[in-house]
Amino acid sequence: RRFRIGVAIALKGDLPETEVVAFDNLRRRGSELNLDRLRQCGVLFFHGDIRNHEDIESAGEFDLLIDCSAEASVHAGYQSSPAYVVQTNLLGTIYCTKAIIPSLIKSKKGRIINFSSIAVNISAKGEAAYIASKGGVEAFSRSIARELSSANITVNTISPAFIKTRLSAGLSENVKKTVIERQIIESECSLS
């Protein structure tokens, strides 16, 4: 099973006998600090870039995919290319799915869970590339779910509410307030 860091640790805690592997490019500043925590929790780590399908395919076979790929538009900006955001959020999801499909079809069962964002339905100023990429994840997930349903493979998308992270800390209070008012749970969630 292959996952990103926070989800991997939580899953390993719930299923201690399961081999859980986190996959990350360690691009974000400080992300390498999670490696000791992963080891301590019994999670294996695979260093690779989700935008590179060869990296994902070299990670081997797995029977459950939880794709938490996320890069916000704030990293692209208006004056630069949105390519990194779209390649990470949308193409990364497609590459992960492509890598897992053969083993799931062979076993005639499986689960794929892709993370999207509440922002797809709310929208936020300056997040056009992020919202477009996550909207693409939702459309891709619906389409591939239909294609794989006859093989007893389910594909679902989770769109979390606004979560307090280092990335969201950079948003203005006005943007945070607007997003929180538009979601069902009218508060900022914490990961701790």
N, C-alpha and C. Protein backbone atom coordinates (compact mmCIF):
# COMPACT_ATOMS: atom_id res chain seq x y z
N ARG A 1 0.85 -1.17 0.00
CA ARG A 1 0.00 0.00 0.00
C ARG A 1 0.88 1.23 0.00
N ARG A 2 0.55 2.22 -0.78
CA ARG A 2 1.40 3.38 -0.97
C ARG A 2 0.63 4.65 -0.61
N PHE A 3 1.20 5.49 0.25
CA PHE A 3 0.49 6.67 0.73
C PHE A 3 1.43 7.83 0.98
N ARG A 4 0.85 9.01 1.20
CA ARG A 4 1.62 10.17 1.61
C ARG A 4 1.78 10.10 3.12
N ILE A 5 2.58 10.99 3.68
CA ILE A 5 3.10 10.87 5.03
C ILE A 5 2.04 10.83 6.14
N GLY A 6 1.20 11.85 6.28
CA GLY A 6 0.22 11.88 7.38
C GLY A 6 -0.78 10.74 7.32
N VAL A 7 -1.28 10.47 6.14
CA VAL A 7 -2.23 9.38 5.95
C VAL A 7 -1.56 8.05 6.23
N ALA A 8 -0.31 7.91 5.81
CA ALA A 8 0.43 6.67 6.01
C ALA A 8 0.58 6.34 7.49
N ILE A 9 0.93 7.33 8.28
CA ILE A 9 1.12 7.12 9.72
C ILE A 9 -0.20 6.74 10.38
N ALA A 10 -1.28 7.41 10.02
CA ALA A 10 -2.59 7.09 10.58
C ALA A 10 -3.02 5.68 10.20
N LEU A 11 -2.82 5.32 8.93
CA LEU A 11 -3.22 3.99 8.48
C LEU A 11 -2.40 2.90 9.16
N LYS A 12 -1.10 3.12 9.29
CA LYS A 12 -0.25 2.13 9.96
C LYS A 12 -0.68 1.94 11.41
N GLY A 13 -1.08 3.03 12.05
CA GLY A 13 -1.57 2.93 13.43
C GLY A 13 -2.84 2.09 13.53
N ASP A 14 -3.72 2.22 12.52
CA ASP A 14 -4.97 1.47 12.52
C ASP A 14 -4.79 0.02 12.07
N LEU A 15 -3.81 -0.21 11.19
CA LEU A 15 -3.57 -1.55 10.63
C LEU A 15 -2.10 -1.92 10.78
N PRO A 16 -1.66 -2.19 12.00
CA PRO A 16 -0.23 -2.40 12.26
C PRO A 16 0.39 -3.57 11.49
N GLU A 17 -0.38 -4.55 11.07
CA GLU A 17 0.17 -5.70 10.36
C GLU A 17 0.31 -5.45 8.86
N THR A 18 -0.22 -4.34 8.39
CA THR A 18 -0.20 -4.01 6.96
C THR A 18 1.08 -3.28 6.59
N GLU A 19 1.66 -3.64 5.46
CA GLU A 19 2.82 -2.89 4.96
C GLU A 19 2.30 -1.60 4.33
N VAL A 20 2.74 -0.48 4.88
CA VAL A 20 2.33 0.83 4.39
C VAL A 20 3.58 1.55 3.91
N VAL A 21 3.46 2.12 2.70
CA VAL A 21 4.58 2.83 2.10
C VAL A 21 4.14 4.25 1.76
N ALA A 22 4.89 5.23 2.21
CA ALA A 22 4.64 6.63 1.85
C ALA A 22 5.52 6.97 0.65
N PHE A 23 4.99 7.77 -0.24
CA PHE A 23 5.69 8.17 -1.46
C PHE A 23 5.68 9.68 -1.52
N ASP A 24 6.84 10.30 -1.61
CA ASP A 24 6.91 11.76 -1.61
C ASP A 24 8.20 12.21 -2.29
N ASN A 25 8.18 13.41 -2.87
CA ASN A 25 9.39 13.93 -3.50
C ASN A 25 10.23 14.78 -2.55
N LEU A 26 9.74 15.01 -1.34
CA LEU A 26 10.44 15.79 -0.32
C LEU A 26 10.79 17.20 -0.81
N ARG A 27 10.00 17.73 -1.71
CA ARG A 27 10.26 19.04 -2.29
C ARG A 27 9.96 20.19 -1.32
N ARG A 28 8.91 20.02 -0.52
CA ARG A 28 8.55 21.08 0.42
C ARG A 28 9.60 21.20 1.51
N ARG A 29 9.93 22.42 1.83
CA ARG A 29 10.94 22.67 2.85
C ARG A 29 10.52 22.02 4.17
N GLY A 30 11.41 21.27 4.75
CA GLY A 30 11.17 20.61 6.03
C GLY A 30 10.50 19.26 5.92
N SER A 31 10.08 18.85 4.72
CA SER A 31 9.38 17.56 4.60
C SER A 31 10.27 16.38 4.95
N GLU A 32 11.58 16.53 4.77
CA GLU A 32 12.50 15.44 5.12
C GLU A 32 12.52 15.17 6.62
N LEU A 33 12.02 16.13 7.41
CA LEU A 33 11.97 15.93 8.86
C LEU A 33 10.96 14.85 9.26
N ASN A 34 10.08 14.49 8.33
CA ASN A 34 9.09 13.44 8.60
C ASN A 34 9.66 12.03 8.49
N LEU A 35 10.84 11.89 7.90
CA LEU A 35 11.38 10.55 7.65
C LEU A 35 11.60 9.76 8.93
N ASP A 36 12.16 10.38 9.97
CA ASP A 36 12.35 9.67 11.24
C ASP A 36 11.01 9.25 11.84
N ARG A 37 10.03 10.14 11.75
CA ARG A 37 8.70 9.83 12.29
C ARG A 37 8.09 8.64 11.54
N LEU A 38 8.26 8.60 10.23
CA LEU A 38 7.75 7.46 9.46
C LEU A 38 8.41 6.16 9.91
N ARG A 39 9.73 6.18 10.03
CA ARG A 39 10.46 4.98 10.46
C ARG A 39 9.98 4.51 11.84
N GLN A 40 9.84 5.47 12.76
CA GLN A 40 9.40 5.14 14.11
C GLN A 40 8.01 4.50 14.13
N CYS A 41 7.18 4.88 13.18
CA CYS A 41 5.82 4.34 13.10
C CYS A 41 5.73 3.08 12.26
N GLY A 42 6.87 2.64 11.70
CA GLY A 42 6.87 1.41 10.92
C GLY A 42 6.41 1.59 9.48
N VAL A 43 6.43 2.83 8.98
CA VAL A 43 6.03 3.10 7.61
C VAL A 43 7.28 3.15 6.74
N LEU A 44 7.27 2.41 5.65
CA LEU A 44 8.37 2.45 4.70
C LEU A 44 8.25 3.73 3.87
N PHE A 45 9.37 4.23 3.38
CA PHE A 45 9.34 5.45 2.60
C PHE A 45 9.97 5.22 1.23
N PHE A 46 9.31 5.74 0.19
CA PHE A 46 9.83 5.66 -1.16
C PHE A 46 9.95 7.09 -1.68
N HIS A 47 11.17 7.48 -2.05
CA HIS A 47 11.41 8.82 -2.57
C HIS A 47 11.19 8.82 -4.07
N GLY A 48 10.27 9.66 -4.53
CA GLY A 48 10.02 9.76 -5.96
C GLY A 48 9.15 10.96 -6.25
N ASP A 49 8.98 11.24 -7.51
CA ASP A 49 8.20 12.38 -7.96
C ASP A 49 6.92 11.89 -8.61
N ILE A 50 5.80 12.28 -8.07
CA ILE A 50 4.50 11.82 -8.56
C ILE A 50 4.23 12.26 -10.00
N ARG A 51 4.95 13.27 -10.46
CA ARG A 51 4.80 13.74 -11.84
C ARG A 51 5.53 12.84 -12.82
N ASN A 52 6.30 11.91 -12.31
CA ASN A 52 7.10 11.03 -13.15
C ASN A 52 6.55 9.60 -13.03
N HIS A 53 5.85 9.15 -14.06
CA HIS A 53 5.21 7.84 -13.97
C HIS A 53 6.23 6.71 -13.79
N GLU A 54 7.47 6.89 -14.24
CA GLU A 54 8.49 5.87 -14.02
C GLU A 54 8.80 5.71 -12.53
N ASP A 55 8.83 6.81 -11.79
CA ASP A 55 9.06 6.74 -10.34
C ASP A 55 7.96 5.92 -9.67
N ILE A 56 6.73 6.19 -10.05
CA ILE A 56 5.60 5.49 -9.43
C ILE A 56 5.63 4.01 -9.80
N GLU A 57 5.85 3.71 -11.06
CA GLU A 57 5.88 2.32 -11.50
C GLU A 57 7.02 1.54 -10.86
N SER A 58 8.14 2.21 -10.57
CA SER A 58 9.27 1.52 -9.95
C SER A 58 9.01 1.23 -8.47
N ALA A 59 7.94 1.77 -7.91
CA ALA A 59 7.61 1.52 -6.51
C ALA A 59 7.01 0.13 -6.30
N GLY A 60 6.69 -0.56 -7.38
CA GLY A 60 6.17 -1.93 -7.25
C GLY A 60 4.66 -1.99 -7.22
N GLU A 61 4.15 -3.21 -6.97
CA GLU A 61 2.70 -3.43 -6.93
C GLU A 61 2.14 -3.05 -5.57
N PHE A 62 0.90 -2.63 -5.58
CA PHE A 62 0.20 -2.33 -4.33
C PHE A 62 -1.28 -2.59 -4.54
N ASP A 63 -2.02 -2.79 -3.45
CA ASP A 63 -3.41 -3.19 -3.56
C ASP A 63 -4.41 -2.14 -3.11
N LEU A 64 -3.92 -1.03 -2.60
CA LEU A 64 -4.79 0.07 -2.21
C LEU A 64 -4.02 1.35 -2.45
N LEU A 65 -4.67 2.31 -3.06
CA LEU A 65 -4.04 3.60 -3.31
C LEU A 65 -4.85 4.69 -2.64
N ILE A 66 -4.20 5.47 -1.82
CA ILE A 66 -4.79 6.70 -1.30
C ILE A 66 -3.89 7.82 -1.80
N ASP A 67 -4.39 8.55 -2.79
CA ASP A 67 -3.60 9.59 -3.43
C ASP A 67 -3.93 10.94 -2.81
N CYS A 68 -2.98 11.49 -2.10
CA CYS A 68 -3.16 12.78 -1.42
C CYS A 68 -2.34 13.88 -2.08
N SER A 69 -2.01 13.71 -3.33
CA SER A 69 -1.17 14.69 -4.02
C SER A 69 -1.79 16.08 -3.95
N ALA A 70 -1.00 17.04 -3.56
CA ALA A 70 -1.53 18.40 -3.49
C ALA A 70 -0.41 19.42 -3.59
N GLU A 71 -0.58 20.32 -4.51
CA GLU A 71 0.29 21.47 -4.64
C GLU A 71 -0.63 22.64 -4.95
N ALA A 72 -0.55 23.67 -4.18
CA ALA A 72 -1.47 24.80 -4.35
C ALA A 72 -1.01 25.74 -5.44
N SER A 73 -1.96 26.48 -6.04
CA SER A 73 -1.65 27.45 -7.10
C SER A 73 -0.73 28.53 -6.62
N VAL A 74 -0.71 28.76 -5.32
CA VAL A 74 0.14 29.80 -4.77
C VAL A 74 1.59 29.57 -5.19
N HIS A 75 1.94 28.32 -5.48
CA HIS A 75 3.28 28.01 -5.94
C HIS A 75 3.48 28.35 -7.41
N ALA A 76 2.38 28.48 -8.15
CA ALA A 76 2.49 28.83 -9.56
C ALA A 76 2.46 30.35 -9.75
N GLY A 77 1.52 31.01 -9.09
CA GLY A 77 1.41 32.46 -9.23
C GLY A 77 0.81 32.83 -10.58
N TYR A 78 0.43 34.07 -10.71
CA TYR A 78 -0.19 34.54 -11.96
C TYR A 78 0.83 34.73 -13.07
N GLN A 79 2.05 35.05 -12.71
CA GLN A 79 3.06 35.38 -13.71
C GLN A 79 3.84 34.16 -14.19
N SER A 80 3.62 33.01 -13.60
CA SER A 80 4.38 31.84 -14.01
C SER A 80 3.44 30.74 -14.48
N SER A 81 4.01 29.67 -14.93
CA SER A 81 3.25 28.55 -15.48
C SER A 81 2.55 27.75 -14.38
N PRO A 82 1.32 27.33 -14.64
CA PRO A 82 0.62 26.45 -13.70
C PRO A 82 1.00 24.98 -13.88
N ALA A 83 1.98 24.71 -14.73
CA ALA A 83 2.32 23.33 -15.09
C ALA A 83 2.64 22.46 -13.87
N TYR A 84 3.44 22.97 -12.93
CA TYR A 84 3.81 22.15 -11.77
C TYR A 84 2.57 21.75 -10.96
N VAL A 85 1.66 22.69 -10.76
CA VAL A 85 0.43 22.41 -10.01
C VAL A 85 -0.41 21.36 -10.72
N VAL A 86 -0.63 21.52 -12.01
CA VAL A 86 -1.46 20.59 -12.77
C VAL A 86 -0.77 19.23 -12.88
N GLN A 87 0.54 19.22 -13.12
CA GLN A 87 1.25 17.95 -13.22
C GLN A 87 1.22 17.19 -11.90
N THR A 88 1.39 17.89 -10.79
CA THR A 88 1.37 17.22 -9.48
C THR A 88 -0.03 16.74 -9.14
N ASN A 89 -1.00 17.64 -9.18
CA ASN A 89 -2.35 17.32 -8.70
C ASN A 89 -3.14 16.41 -9.62
N LEU A 90 -3.09 16.65 -10.92
CA LEU A 90 -3.91 15.87 -11.84
C LEU A 90 -3.12 14.73 -12.49
N LEU A 91 -2.02 15.05 -13.14
CA LEU A 91 -1.25 13.98 -13.79
C LEU A 91 -0.69 12.99 -12.78
N GLY A 92 -0.30 13.46 -11.61
CA GLY A 92 0.17 12.55 -10.56
C GLY A 92 -0.90 11.54 -10.19
N THR A 93 -2.14 12.00 -10.07
CA THR A 93 -3.26 11.10 -9.77
C THR A 93 -3.46 10.09 -10.89
N ILE A 94 -3.39 10.56 -12.12
CA ILE A 94 -3.55 9.66 -13.27
C ILE A 94 -2.42 8.63 -13.29
N TYR A 95 -1.19 9.06 -13.07
CA TYR A 95 -0.06 8.13 -13.07
C TYR A 95 -0.18 7.09 -11.95
N CYS A 96 -0.58 7.53 -10.76
CA CYS A 96 -0.76 6.58 -9.64
C CYS A 96 -1.83 5.54 -9.99
N THR A 97 -2.92 6.01 -10.56
CA THR A 97 -4.02 5.11 -10.92
C THR A 97 -3.57 4.14 -12.00
N LYS A 98 -2.87 4.64 -13.00
CA LYS A 98 -2.36 3.78 -14.07
C LYS A 98 -1.45 2.69 -13.50
N ALA A 99 -0.66 3.03 -12.50
CA ALA A 99 0.27 2.06 -11.92
C ALA A 99 -0.42 0.96 -11.14
N ILE A 100 -1.55 1.27 -10.52
CA ILE A 100 -2.21 0.27 -9.67
C ILE A 100 -3.22 -0.59 -10.42
N ILE A 101 -3.75 -0.11 -11.53
CA ILE A 101 -4.82 -0.82 -12.23
C ILE A 101 -4.46 -2.27 -12.58
N PRO A 102 -3.30 -2.58 -13.15
CA PRO A 102 -3.03 -3.98 -13.51
C PRO A 102 -3.12 -4.96 -12.33
N SER A 103 -2.57 -4.59 -11.17
CA SER A 103 -2.63 -5.51 -10.04
C SER A 103 -4.05 -5.62 -9.49
N LEU A 104 -4.82 -4.56 -9.55
CA LEU A 104 -6.21 -4.63 -9.07
C LEU A 104 -7.07 -5.48 -10.00
N ILE A 105 -6.89 -5.31 -11.29
CA ILE A 105 -7.66 -6.11 -12.25
C ILE A 105 -7.29 -7.59 -12.10
N LYS A 106 -6.01 -7.87 -11.90
CA LYS A 106 -5.54 -9.25 -11.71
C LYS A 106 -6.21 -9.89 -10.48
N SER A 107 -6.34 -9.14 -9.40
CA SER A 107 -6.95 -9.68 -8.18
C SER A 107 -8.47 -9.56 -8.18
N LYS A 108 -9.02 -8.88 -9.18
CA LYS A 108 -10.47 -8.70 -9.32
C LYS A 108 -11.10 -7.97 -8.14
N LYS A 109 -10.32 -7.09 -7.50
CA LYS A 109 -10.84 -6.27 -6.41
C LYS A 109 -9.84 -5.18 -6.12
N GLY A 110 -10.31 -4.14 -5.48
CA GLY A 110 -9.38 -3.10 -5.09
C GLY A 110 -10.06 -1.78 -4.79
N ARG A 111 -9.27 -0.89 -4.25
CA ARG A 111 -9.77 0.42 -3.84
C ARG A 111 -8.79 1.51 -4.26
N ILE A 112 -9.34 2.58 -4.80
CA ILE A 112 -8.56 3.76 -5.12
C ILE A 112 -9.30 4.94 -4.48
N ILE A 113 -8.58 5.70 -3.68
CA ILE A 113 -9.16 6.88 -3.04
C ILE A 113 -8.29 8.08 -3.41
N ASN A 114 -8.89 9.03 -4.08
CA ASN A 114 -8.18 10.24 -4.49
C ASN A 114 -8.68 11.43 -3.68
N PHE A 115 -7.75 12.28 -3.29
CA PHE A 115 -8.12 13.50 -2.56
C PHE A 115 -8.31 14.64 -3.55
N SER A 116 -9.41 15.33 -3.41
CA SER A 116 -9.67 16.54 -4.17
C SER A 116 -9.65 17.70 -3.17
N SER A 117 -10.55 18.63 -3.33
CA SER A 117 -10.59 19.77 -2.42
C SER A 117 -11.97 20.40 -2.43
N ILE A 118 -12.37 20.89 -1.28
CA ILE A 118 -13.61 21.63 -1.19
C ILE A 118 -13.56 22.89 -2.06
N ALA A 119 -12.36 23.34 -2.38
CA ALA A 119 -12.17 24.54 -3.19
C ALA A 119 -12.79 24.39 -4.58
N VAL A 120 -12.94 23.16 -5.08
CA VAL A 120 -13.53 22.95 -6.40
C VAL A 120 -14.93 23.55 -6.46
N ASN A 121 -15.68 23.42 -5.39
CA ASN A 121 -17.05 23.92 -5.36
C ASN A 121 -17.18 25.30 -4.74
N ILE A 122 -16.14 25.79 -4.13
CA ILE A 122 -16.20 27.08 -3.46
C ILE A 122 -15.46 28.15 -4.25
N SER A 123 -14.32 27.82 -4.74
CA SER A 123 -13.36 28.68 -5.45
C SER A 123 -12.80 29.77 -4.56
N ALA A 124 -11.56 30.07 -4.79
CA ALA A 124 -10.86 31.10 -4.02
C ALA A 124 -9.96 31.88 -4.96
N LYS A 125 -9.87 33.14 -4.74
CA LYS A 125 -9.06 34.01 -5.58
C LYS A 125 -7.60 33.53 -5.58
N GLY A 126 -7.02 33.48 -6.77
CA GLY A 126 -5.62 33.09 -6.88
C GLY A 126 -5.38 31.59 -6.91
N GLU A 127 -6.43 30.80 -6.92
CA GLU A 127 -6.28 29.35 -6.88
C GLU A 127 -6.83 28.66 -8.12
N ALA A 128 -6.88 29.36 -9.25
CA ALA A 128 -7.49 28.81 -10.47
C ALA A 128 -6.83 27.51 -10.92
N ALA A 129 -5.51 27.47 -10.95
CA ALA A 129 -4.82 26.25 -11.40
C ALA A 129 -5.07 25.10 -10.44
N TYR A 130 -5.03 25.38 -9.14
CA TYR A 130 -5.30 24.35 -8.13
C TYR A 130 -6.71 23.81 -8.28
N ILE A 131 -7.68 24.71 -8.39
CA ILE A 131 -9.08 24.31 -8.50
C ILE A 131 -9.31 23.52 -9.79
N ALA A 132 -8.73 23.97 -10.89
CA ALA A 132 -8.88 23.25 -12.15
C ALA A 132 -8.27 21.85 -12.04
N SER A 133 -7.11 21.74 -11.41
CA SER A 133 -6.46 20.42 -11.29
C SER A 133 -7.26 19.49 -10.39
N LYS A 134 -7.79 20.00 -9.29
CA LYS A 134 -8.58 19.15 -8.39
C LYS A 134 -9.95 18.83 -8.98
N GLY A 135 -10.51 19.75 -9.77
CA GLY A 135 -11.73 19.44 -10.51
C GLY A 135 -11.48 18.33 -11.51
N GLY A 136 -10.30 18.35 -12.12
CA GLY A 136 -9.90 17.28 -13.03
C GLY A 136 -9.77 15.95 -12.32
N VAL A 137 -9.28 15.97 -11.08
CA VAL A 137 -9.18 14.74 -10.27
C VAL A 137 -10.58 14.16 -10.05
N GLU A 138 -11.54 15.02 -9.75
CA GLU A 138 -12.91 14.54 -9.53
C GLU A 138 -13.50 13.94 -10.79
N ALA A 139 -13.33 14.62 -11.93
CA ALA A 139 -13.86 14.11 -13.20
C ALA A 139 -13.16 12.80 -13.59
N PHE A 140 -11.85 12.75 -13.43
CA PHE A 140 -11.09 11.53 -13.73
C PHE A 140 -11.57 10.38 -12.85
N SER A 141 -11.75 10.65 -11.56
CA SER A 141 -12.17 9.60 -10.62
C SER A 141 -13.55 9.05 -11.00
N ARG A 142 -14.48 9.92 -11.36
CA ARG A 142 -15.81 9.45 -11.77
C ARG A 142 -15.71 8.57 -13.02
N SER A 143 -14.91 9.00 -13.97
CA SER A 143 -14.77 8.27 -15.23
C SER A 143 -14.12 6.91 -15.01
N ILE A 144 -13.01 6.89 -14.28
CA ILE A 144 -12.29 5.63 -14.08
C ILE A 144 -13.09 4.68 -13.18
N ALA A 145 -13.92 5.23 -12.30
CA ALA A 145 -14.79 4.39 -11.46
C ALA A 145 -15.74 3.59 -12.33
N ARG A 146 -16.30 4.23 -13.34
CA ARG A 146 -17.19 3.52 -14.26
C ARG A 146 -16.44 2.43 -15.02
N GLU A 147 -15.25 2.77 -15.48
CA GLU A 147 -14.46 1.82 -16.25
C GLU A 147 -14.05 0.60 -15.43
N LEU A 148 -13.78 0.78 -14.15
CA LEU A 148 -13.26 -0.30 -13.32
C LEU A 148 -14.31 -1.03 -12.49
N SER A 149 -15.53 -0.53 -12.47
CA SER A 149 -16.55 -1.13 -11.61
C SER A 149 -16.83 -2.59 -11.94
N SER A 150 -16.74 -2.97 -13.19
CA SER A 150 -17.01 -4.37 -13.56
C SER A 150 -15.93 -5.32 -13.03
N ALA A 151 -14.78 -4.79 -12.63
CA ALA A 151 -13.70 -5.60 -12.07
C ALA A 151 -13.73 -5.56 -10.53
N ASN A 152 -14.83 -5.08 -9.95
CA ASN A 152 -15.00 -4.99 -8.50
C ASN A 152 -13.97 -4.04 -7.87
N ILE A 153 -13.65 -2.96 -8.59
CA ILE A 153 -12.72 -1.95 -8.11
C ILE A 153 -13.49 -0.66 -7.89
N THR A 154 -13.39 -0.12 -6.69
CA THR A 154 -14.07 1.14 -6.42
C THR A 154 -13.07 2.29 -6.47
N VAL A 155 -13.56 3.42 -6.93
CA VAL A 155 -12.77 4.65 -6.99
C VAL A 155 -13.62 5.75 -6.35
N ASN A 156 -13.08 6.37 -5.33
CA ASN A 156 -13.79 7.43 -4.62
C ASN A 156 -12.90 8.66 -4.50
N THR A 157 -13.55 9.79 -4.32
CA THR A 157 -12.84 11.04 -4.11
C THR A 157 -13.28 11.63 -2.79
N ILE A 158 -12.32 12.10 -2.02
CA ILE A 158 -12.58 12.79 -0.76
C ILE A 158 -12.21 14.26 -0.96
N SER A 159 -13.10 15.14 -0.55
CA SER A 159 -12.85 16.58 -0.64
C SER A 159 -12.89 17.17 0.76
N PRO A 160 -11.74 17.22 1.43
CA PRO A 160 -11.72 17.72 2.80
C PRO A 160 -12.12 19.19 2.91
N ALA A 161 -12.61 19.54 4.06
CA ALA A 161 -12.90 20.94 4.35
C ALA A 161 -11.60 21.70 4.56
N PHE A 162 -11.69 22.95 4.85
CA PHE A 162 -10.52 23.80 5.05
C PHE A 162 -9.71 23.28 6.23
N ILE A 163 -8.44 22.99 6.01
CA ILE A 163 -7.57 22.41 7.04
C ILE A 163 -6.45 23.39 7.37
N LYS A 164 -6.23 23.56 8.64
CA LYS A 164 -5.17 24.45 9.10
C LYS A 164 -3.81 23.79 8.87
N THR A 165 -3.05 24.35 7.94
CA THR A 165 -1.72 23.84 7.62
C THR A 165 -0.78 25.03 7.46
N ARG A 166 0.51 24.73 7.25
CA ARG A 166 1.46 25.82 6.98
C ARG A 166 1.09 26.56 5.71
N LEU A 167 0.56 25.85 4.73
CA LEU A 167 0.17 26.48 3.48
C LEU A 167 -1.02 27.42 3.69
N SER A 168 -2.02 26.96 4.43
CA SER A 168 -3.20 27.82 4.65
C SER A 168 -2.88 28.99 5.56
N ALA A 169 -1.81 28.89 6.33
CA ALA A 169 -1.42 30.00 7.21
C ALA A 169 -1.07 31.24 6.40
N GLY A 170 -0.68 31.08 5.15
CA GLY A 170 -0.32 32.20 4.30
C GLY A 170 -1.51 32.91 3.68
N LEU A 171 -2.72 32.35 3.84
CA LEU A 171 -3.91 32.98 3.28
C LEU A 171 -4.38 34.13 4.16
N SER A 172 -4.97 35.12 3.54
CA SER A 172 -5.49 36.26 4.31
C SER A 172 -6.67 35.81 5.15
N GLU A 173 -6.92 36.52 6.23
CA GLU A 173 -8.05 36.20 7.10
C GLU A 173 -9.36 36.30 6.34
N ASN A 174 -9.46 37.22 5.38
CA ASN A 174 -10.66 37.39 4.58
C ASN A 174 -10.93 36.16 3.72
N VAL A 175 -9.87 35.62 3.08
CA VAL A 175 -10.02 34.41 2.27
C VAL A 175 -10.42 33.23 3.15
N LYS A 176 -9.75 33.08 4.30
CA LYS A 176 -10.10 31.99 5.22
C LYS A 176 -11.57 32.09 5.64
N LYS A 177 -11.98 33.28 6.00
CA LYS A 177 -13.37 33.50 6.45
C LYS A 177 -14.36 33.12 5.35
N THR A 178 -14.07 33.53 4.12
CA THR A 178 -14.95 33.22 2.99
C THR A 178 -15.06 31.72 2.78
N VAL A 179 -13.93 31.02 2.79
CA VAL A 179 -13.94 29.58 2.58
C VAL A 179 -14.70 28.87 3.70
N ILE A 180 -14.43 29.25 4.93
CA ILE A 180 -15.08 28.61 6.07
C ILE A 180 -16.59 28.84 6.05
N GLU A 181 -17.03 30.03 5.66
CA GLU A 181 -18.46 30.32 5.60
C GLU A 181 -19.17 29.48 4.54
N ARG A 182 -18.46 29.10 3.49
CA ARG A 182 -19.07 28.34 2.40
C ARG A 182 -19.07 26.83 2.62
N GLN A 183 -18.33 26.34 3.58
CA GLN A 183 -18.30 24.90 3.82
C GLN A 183 -19.34 24.52 4.85
N ILE A 184 -19.65 23.25 4.92
CA ILE A 184 -20.69 22.76 5.82
C ILE A 184 -20.29 22.96 7.27
N ILE A 185 -19.07 22.59 7.62
CA ILE A 185 -18.56 22.78 8.98
C ILE A 185 -17.92 24.15 9.03
N GLU A 186 -18.51 25.06 9.76
CA GLU A 186 -18.05 26.44 9.75
C GLU A 186 -16.92 26.68 10.74
N SER A 187 -15.84 25.92 10.58
CA SER A 187 -14.64 26.15 11.37
C SER A 187 -13.44 25.59 10.63
N GLU A 188 -12.27 26.03 11.01
CA GLU A 188 -11.03 25.55 10.43
C GLU A 188 -10.63 24.28 11.16
N CYS A 189 -10.37 23.21 10.43
CA CYS A 189 -9.96 21.95 11.04
C CYS A 189 -8.47 21.97 11.29
N SER A 190 -8.02 21.19 12.25
CA SER A 190 -6.61 21.09 12.58
C SER A 190 -6.15 19.67 12.35
N LEU A 191 -4.91 19.49 11.94
CA LEU A 191 -4.36 18.15 11.72
C LEU A 191 -3.82 17.53 13.00
N SER A 192 -3.73 18.30 14.07
CA SER A 192 -3.15 17.75 15.30
C SER A 192 -4.19 17.14 16.19
